[in-house]
């Protein structure tokens, strides 16, 4: 008959197995890798959206600056189309931005802004303003003296993230009111703005 083994010797292999640390890095990597990949792709999508938003903002302010310096000849629909092409070139993300350029005047007698002219290159999502529809955004236009004109440049761009990482597709919008630097800007053919 063999001598009885102490009970502690029975659990010795189990204790050795529990104390061993070989392979922990592999297990931790397998557990954390999906989280790290999700975070990396999420940061990329967030940064890409921020980059597109920033490009739209800069392009909108550039077009507003061009419109504010316009003088001598009236704007035409072809000029606004050229401004939209400039925005598309500046954003360079593939899709075409939408653009609406509007000239407004403050009429003290009626205590409101009124539309002088409005040109939208994409009239379905951004229809040209009328004096009635302008009142919906009148609180975003800076105050001006009676008879003072301003140009409003509005732009939109549809952003679709490259990865579905919790950030949904969205539309970035910019609203840039600017005073003409020299004289009120006139428009020749707002009916051709389609």
C-alpha atoms as a PDB file:
ATOM      1  CA  UNK A   1       0.000   0.000   0.000  1.00  0.00           C
ATOM      2  CA  UNK A   2       1.293   3.363  -0.942  1.00  0.00           C
ATOM      3  CA  UNK A   3       1.543   6.098   1.598  1.00  0.00           C
ATOM      4  CA  UNK A   4      -1.314   8.623   1.515  1.00  0.00           C
ATOM      5  CA  UNK A   5      -0.462  11.889  -0.133  1.00  0.00           C
ATOM      6  CA  UNK A   6      -1.191  15.013   1.862  1.00  0.00           C
ATOM      7  CA  UNK A   7      -4.220  16.904   0.661  1.00  0.00           C
ATOM      8  CA  UNK A   8      -2.124  19.988  -0.165  1.00  0.00           C
ATOM      9  CA  UNK A   9      -0.184  18.012  -2.727  1.00  0.00           C
ATOM     10  CA  UNK A  10      -3.404  17.305  -4.617  1.00  0.00           C
ATOM     11  CA  UNK A  11      -4.019  21.023  -5.209  1.00  0.00           C
ATOM     12  CA  UNK A  12      -0.387  21.856  -5.941  1.00  0.00           C
ATOM     13  CA  UNK A  13      -0.758  21.585  -9.780  1.00  0.00           C
ATOM     14  CA  UNK A  14      -3.866  23.800  -9.664  1.00  0.00           C
ATOM     15  CA  UNK A  15      -2.008  26.436  -7.618  1.00  0.00           C
ATOM     16  CA  UNK A  16       0.922  26.341 -10.007  1.00  0.00           C
ATOM     17  CA  UNK A  17      -1.462  26.824 -12.946  1.00  0.00           C
ATOM     18  CA  UNK A  18      -3.122  29.819 -11.292  1.00  0.00           C
ATOM     19  CA  UNK A  19       0.221  31.456 -10.437  1.00  0.00           C
ATOM     20  CA  UNK A  20       1.678  31.127 -13.924  1.00  0.00           C
ATOM     21  CA  UNK A  21       1.695  34.395 -15.868  1.00  0.00           C
ATOM     22  CA  UNK A  22       2.781  33.118 -19.260  1.00  0.00           C
ATOM     23  CA  UNK A  23       0.229  34.019 -21.957  1.00  0.00           C
ATOM     24  CA  UNK A  24      -1.412  36.889 -20.057  1.00  0.00           C
ATOM     25  CA  UNK A  25      -0.313  39.411 -22.680  1.00  0.00           C
ATOM     26  CA  UNK A  26      -2.049  37.421 -25.390  1.00  0.00           C
ATOM     27  CA  UNK A  27      -5.265  37.184 -23.399  1.00  0.00           C
ATOM     28  CA  UNK A  28      -5.211  40.900 -22.536  1.00  0.00           C
ATOM     29  CA  UNK A  29      -4.536  41.772 -26.164  1.00  0.00           C
ATOM     30  CA  UNK A  30      -7.453  39.675 -27.353  1.00  0.00           C
ATOM     31  CA  UNK A  31      -9.724  41.374 -24.831  1.00  0.00           C
ATOM     32  CA  UNK A  32      -8.537  44.959 -25.482  1.00  0.00           C
ATOM     33  CA  UNK A  33      -7.869  44.907 -29.234  1.00  0.00           C
ATOM     34  CA  UNK A  34     -11.529  45.431 -30.273  1.00  0.00           C
ATOM     35  CA  UNK A  35     -11.814  48.385 -27.892  1.00  0.00           C
ATOM     36  CA  UNK A  36      -8.577  49.928 -29.176  1.00  0.00           C
ATOM     37  CA  UNK A  37      -9.645  49.484 -32.815  1.00  0.00           C
ATOM     38  CA  UNK A  38     -13.055  51.022 -32.089  1.00  0.00           C
ATOM     39  CA  UNK A  39     -11.371  54.006 -30.420  1.00  0.00           C
ATOM     40  CA  UNK A  40      -8.883  54.463 -33.282  1.00  0.00           C
ATOM     41  CA  UNK A  41     -11.599  54.364 -35.959  1.00  0.00           C
ATOM     42  CA  UNK A  42     -13.797  56.641 -33.832  1.00  0.00           C
ATOM     43  CA  UNK A  43     -11.016  59.216 -33.581  1.00  0.00           C
ATOM     44  CA  UNK A  44     -10.469  59.034 -37.328  1.00  0.00           C
ATOM     45  CA  UNK A  45     -14.184  59.583 -38.056  1.00  0.00           C
ATOM     46  CA  UNK A  46     -14.377  62.440 -35.552  1.00  0.00           C
ATOM     47  CA  UNK A  47     -11.278  64.100 -37.000  1.00  0.00           C
ATOM     48  CA  UNK A  48     -12.557  63.663 -40.558  1.00  0.00           C
ATOM     49  CA  UNK A  49     -15.869  65.325 -39.649  1.00  0.00           C
ATOM     50  CA  UNK A  50     -14.062  68.168 -37.916  1.00  0.00           C
ATOM     51  CA  UNK A  51     -11.803  68.634 -40.960  1.00  0.00           C
ATOM     52  CA  UNK A  52     -14.775  68.797 -43.366  1.00  0.00           C
ATOM     53  CA  UNK A  53     -16.632  71.221 -41.079  1.00  0.00           C
ATOM     54  CA  UNK A  54     -13.559  73.439 -40.878  1.00  0.00           C
ATOM     55  CA  UNK A  55     -13.095  73.411 -44.661  1.00  0.00           C
ATOM     56  CA  UNK A  56     -16.759  74.375 -45.179  1.00  0.00           C
ATOM     57  CA  UNK A  57     -16.403  77.235 -42.721  1.00  0.00           C
ATOM     58  CA  UNK A  58     -13.289  78.593 -44.415  1.00  0.00           C
ATOM     59  CA  UNK A  59     -14.814  78.236 -47.884  1.00  0.00           C
ATOM     60  CA  UNK A  60     -17.987  80.041 -46.737  1.00  0.00           C
ATOM     61  CA  UNK A  61     -16.018  82.938 -45.286  1.00  0.00           C
ATOM     62  CA  UNK A  62     -13.951  83.138 -48.475  1.00  0.00           C
ATOM     63  CA  UNK A  63     -17.095  83.393 -50.618  1.00  0.00           C
ATOM     64  CA  UNK A  64     -18.545  85.973 -48.203  1.00  0.00           C
ATOM     65  CA  UNK A  65     -15.358  88.019 -48.497  1.00  0.00           C
ATOM     66  CA  UNK A  66     -15.510  87.860 -52.301  1.00  0.00           C
ATOM     67  CA  UNK A  67     -19.163  88.932 -52.284  1.00  0.00           C
ATOM     68  CA  UNK A  68     -18.470  91.788 -49.850  1.00  0.00           C
ATOM     69  CA  UNK A  69     -15.761  93.199 -52.154  1.00  0.00           C
ATOM     70  CA  UNK A  70     -17.873  92.945 -55.321  1.00  0.00           C
ATOM     71  CA  UNK A  71     -18.209  96.293 -57.051  1.00  0.00           C
ATOM     72  CA  UNK A  72     -18.703  98.056 -60.382  1.00  0.00           C
ATOM     73  CA  UNK A  73     -20.762  95.344 -62.106  1.00  0.00           C
ATOM     74  CA  UNK A  74     -23.765  93.473 -60.686  1.00  0.00           C
ATOM     75  CA  UNK A  75     -23.435  89.854 -59.681  1.00  0.00           C
ATOM     76  CA  UNK A  76     -24.867  87.267 -62.055  1.00  0.00           C
ATOM     77  CA  UNK A  77     -25.987  83.676 -61.594  1.00  0.00           C
ATOM     78  CA  UNK A  78     -22.803  82.545 -63.336  1.00  0.00           C
ATOM     79  CA  UNK A  79     -20.741  84.397 -60.698  1.00  0.00           C
ATOM     80  CA  UNK A  80     -22.538  82.588 -57.877  1.00  0.00           C
ATOM     81  CA  UNK A  81     -22.012  79.287 -59.722  1.00  0.00           C
ATOM     82  CA  UNK A  82     -18.310  80.162 -59.858  1.00  0.00           C
ATOM     83  CA  UNK A  83     -18.347  80.813 -56.097  1.00  0.00           C
ATOM     84  CA  UNK A  84     -19.925  77.408 -55.552  1.00  0.00           C
ATOM     85  CA  UNK A  85     -17.243  75.813 -57.746  1.00  0.00           C
ATOM     86  CA  UNK A  86     -14.595  77.592 -55.680  1.00  0.00           C
ATOM     87  CA  UNK A  87     -16.144  76.154 -52.510  1.00  0.00           C
ATOM     88  CA  UNK A  88     -16.161  72.684 -54.032  1.00  0.00           C
ATOM     89  CA  UNK A  89     -12.475  73.066 -54.911  1.00  0.00           C
ATOM     90  CA  UNK A  90     -11.611  74.305 -51.411  1.00  0.00           C
ATOM     91  CA  UNK A  91     -13.480  71.502 -49.663  1.00  0.00           C
ATOM     92  CA  UNK A  92     -12.291  68.830 -52.135  1.00  0.00           C
ATOM     93  CA  UNK A  93     -14.145  65.985 -50.445  1.00  0.00           C
ATOM     94  CA  UNK A  94     -16.050  64.732 -53.496  1.00  0.00           C
ATOM     95  CA  UNK A  95     -19.577  66.042 -52.976  1.00  0.00           C
ATOM     96  CA  UNK A  96     -20.733  69.478 -54.063  1.00  0.00           C
ATOM     97  CA  UNK A  97     -21.630  71.984 -51.347  1.00  0.00           C
ATOM     98  CA  UNK A  98     -24.924  73.852 -51.558  1.00  0.00           C
ATOM     99  CA  UNK A  99     -24.814  77.651 -51.637  1.00  0.00           C
ATOM    100  CA  UNK A 100     -27.305  80.477 -51.196  1.00  0.00           C
ATOM    101  CA  UNK A 101     -26.283  84.140 -51.465  1.00  0.00           C
ATOM    102  CA  UNK A 102     -28.774  86.793 -50.393  1.00  0.00           C
ATOM    103  CA  UNK A 103     -28.688  90.574 -50.164  1.00  0.00           C
ATOM    104  CA  UNK A 104     -30.876  92.102 -47.446  1.00  0.00           C
ATOM    105  CA  UNK A 105     -31.690  95.670 -46.446  1.00  0.00           C
ATOM    106  CA  UNK A 106     -32.871  96.990 -43.079  1.00  0.00           C
ATOM    107  CA  UNK A 107     -36.082  99.005 -43.393  1.00  0.00           C
ATOM    108  CA  UNK A 108     -36.579 101.009 -40.201  1.00  0.00           C
ATOM    109  CA  UNK A 109     -40.170 102.003 -41.082  1.00  0.00           C
ATOM    110  CA  UNK A 110     -41.236  98.324 -41.083  1.00  0.00           C
ATOM    111  CA  UNK A 111     -38.693  97.310 -38.409  1.00  0.00           C
ATOM    112  CA  UNK A 112     -37.385  94.328 -40.367  1.00  0.00           C
ATOM    113  CA  UNK A 113     -34.881  93.064 -42.880  1.00  0.00           C
ATOM    114  CA  UNK A 114     -36.168  92.729 -46.426  1.00  0.00           C
ATOM    115  CA  UNK A 115     -34.746  90.740 -49.306  1.00  0.00           C
ATOM    116  CA  UNK A 116     -33.184  92.734 -52.135  1.00  0.00           C
ATOM    117  CA  UNK A 117     -32.277  89.598 -54.073  1.00  0.00           C
ATOM    118  CA  UNK A 118     -31.580  85.960 -53.294  1.00  0.00           C
ATOM    119  CA  UNK A 119     -29.766  83.362 -55.384  1.00  0.00           C
ATOM    120  CA  UNK A 120     -29.696  79.668 -54.546  1.00  0.00           C
ATOM    121  CA  UNK A 121     -27.817  77.194 -56.704  1.00  0.00           C
ATOM    122  CA  UNK A 122     -29.816  74.301 -55.173  1.00  0.00           C
ATOM    123  CA  UNK A 123     -33.379  75.583 -54.767  1.00  0.00           C
ATOM    124  CA  UNK A 124     -34.876  72.395 -53.312  1.00  0.00           C
ATOM    125  CA  UNK A 125     -32.785  72.078 -50.123  1.00  0.00           C
ATOM    126  CA  UNK A 126     -31.937  75.808 -49.971  1.00  0.00           C
ATOM    127  CA  UNK A 127     -34.737  77.791 -51.617  1.00  0.00           C
ATOM    128  CA  UNK A 128     -34.164  81.465 -52.362  1.00  0.00           C
ATOM    129  CA  UNK A 129     -35.298  83.732 -49.555  1.00  0.00           C
ATOM    130  CA  UNK A 130     -38.369  85.902 -49.668  1.00  0.00           C
ATOM    131  CA  UNK A 131     -38.925  88.693 -47.159  1.00  0.00           C
ATOM    132  CA  UNK A 132     -41.345  86.420 -45.277  1.00  0.00           C
ATOM    133  CA  UNK A 133     -38.963  83.459 -45.035  1.00  0.00           C
ATOM    134  CA  UNK A 134     -36.069  85.751 -44.144  1.00  0.00           C
ATOM    135  CA  UNK A 135     -37.801  86.605 -40.852  1.00  0.00           C
ATOM    136  CA  UNK A 136     -37.082  83.045 -39.648  1.00  0.00           C
ATOM    137  CA  UNK A 137     -33.359  83.873 -39.502  1.00  0.00           C
ATOM    138  CA  UNK A 138     -33.561  87.639 -38.922  1.00  0.00           C
ATOM    139  CA  UNK A 139     -32.256  87.258 -35.362  1.00  0.00           C
ATOM    140  CA  UNK A 140     -28.971  85.894 -36.767  1.00  0.00           C
ATOM    141  CA  UNK A 141     -28.305  88.999 -38.874  1.00  0.00           C
ATOM    142  CA  UNK A 142     -26.362  91.801 -37.168  1.00  0.00           C
ATOM    143  CA  UNK A 143     -28.123  95.126 -36.638  1.00  0.00           C
ATOM    144  CA  UNK A 144     -27.524  97.841 -39.175  1.00  0.00           C
ATOM    145  CA  UNK A 145     -28.646 101.410 -39.831  1.00  0.00           C
ATOM    146  CA  UNK A 146     -31.768 102.256 -41.800  1.00  0.00           C
ATOM    147  CA  UNK A 147     -31.137 101.403 -45.443  1.00  0.00           C
ATOM    148  CA  UNK A 148     -28.004  99.419 -44.611  1.00  0.00           C
ATOM    149  CA  UNK A 149     -27.450  96.318 -46.694  1.00  0.00           C
ATOM    150  CA  UNK A 150     -25.828  93.020 -45.853  1.00  0.00           C
ATOM    151  CA  UNK A 151     -24.969  89.920 -47.809  1.00  0.00           C
ATOM    152  CA  UNK A 152     -25.761  86.535 -46.304  1.00  0.00           C
ATOM    153  CA  UNK A 153     -23.801  83.540 -47.511  1.00  0.00           C
ATOM    154  CA  UNK A 154     -25.230  80.198 -46.472  1.00  0.00           C
ATOM    155  CA  UNK A 155     -23.697  76.867 -47.287  1.00  0.00           C
ATOM    156  CA  UNK A 156     -24.458  73.238 -46.551  1.00  0.00           C
ATOM    157  CA  UNK A 157     -22.456  70.080 -46.977  1.00  0.00           C
ATOM    158  CA  UNK A 158     -23.600  66.494 -46.365  1.00  0.00           C
ATOM    159  CA  UNK A 159     -21.030  64.534 -44.374  1.00  0.00           C
ATOM    160  CA  UNK A 160     -21.087  60.733 -44.422  1.00  0.00           C
ATOM    161  CA  UNK A 161     -18.575  59.091 -42.073  1.00  0.00           C
ATOM    162  CA  UNK A 162     -16.274  56.495 -43.563  1.00  0.00           C
ATOM    163  CA  UNK A 163     -16.939  54.034 -40.721  1.00  0.00           C
ATOM    164  CA  UNK A 164     -20.114  53.403 -38.723  1.00  0.00           C
ATOM    165  CA  UNK A 165     -18.596  54.125 -35.356  1.00  0.00           C
ATOM    166  CA  UNK A 166     -21.399  55.851 -33.496  1.00  0.00           C
ATOM    167  CA  UNK A 167     -21.194  59.102 -35.492  1.00  0.00           C
ATOM    168  CA  UNK A 168     -24.095  59.361 -37.904  1.00  0.00           C
ATOM    169  CA  UNK A 169     -24.275  61.116 -41.263  1.00  0.00           C
ATOM    170  CA  UNK A 170     -25.009  64.807 -40.810  1.00  0.00           C
ATOM    171  CA  UNK A 171     -25.279  68.079 -42.674  1.00  0.00           C
ATOM    172  CA  UNK A 172     -22.851  70.850 -41.801  1.00  0.00           C
ATOM    173  CA  UNK A 173     -24.264  74.366 -42.191  1.00  0.00           C
ATOM    174  CA  UNK A 174     -22.656  77.792 -42.236  1.00  0.00           C
ATOM    175  CA  UNK A 175     -24.418  81.175 -41.998  1.00  0.00           C
ATOM    176  CA  UNK A 176     -22.162  84.154 -42.728  1.00  0.00           C
ATOM    177  CA  UNK A 177     -23.597  87.698 -42.759  1.00  0.00           C
ATOM    178  CA  UNK A 178     -21.226  90.363 -44.075  1.00  0.00           C
ATOM    179  CA  UNK A 179     -21.542  94.043 -44.956  1.00  0.00           C
ATOM    180  CA  UNK A 180     -20.566  95.138 -48.463  1.00  0.00           C
ATOM    181  CA  UNK A 181     -17.229  96.959 -48.256  1.00  0.00           C
ATOM    182  CA  UNK A 182     -17.839  99.527 -50.971  1.00  0.00           C
ATOM    183  CA  UNK A 183     -21.469  99.725 -52.054  1.00  0.00           C
ATOM    184  CA  UNK A 184     -24.631  97.654 -52.111  1.00  0.00           C
ATOM    185  CA  UNK A 185     -24.157  94.640 -54.372  1.00  0.00           C
ATOM    186  CA  UNK A 186     -26.733  94.341 -57.134  1.00  0.00           C
ATOM    187  CA  UNK A 187     -27.789  91.232 -59.015  1.00  0.00           C
ATOM    188  CA  UNK A 188     -28.726  90.965 -62.687  1.00  0.00           C
ATOM    189  CA  UNK A 189     -30.556  87.659 -63.093  1.00  0.00           C
ATOM    190  CA  UNK A 190     -31.772  85.963 -59.882  1.00  0.00           C
ATOM    191  CA  UNK A 191     -34.246  83.941 -61.933  1.00  0.00           C
ATOM    192  CA  UNK A 192     -31.305  82.066 -63.515  1.00  0.00           C
ATOM    193  CA  UNK A 193     -30.047  80.749 -60.173  1.00  0.00           C
ATOM    194  CA  UNK A 194     -31.000  77.110 -60.685  1.00  0.00           C
END
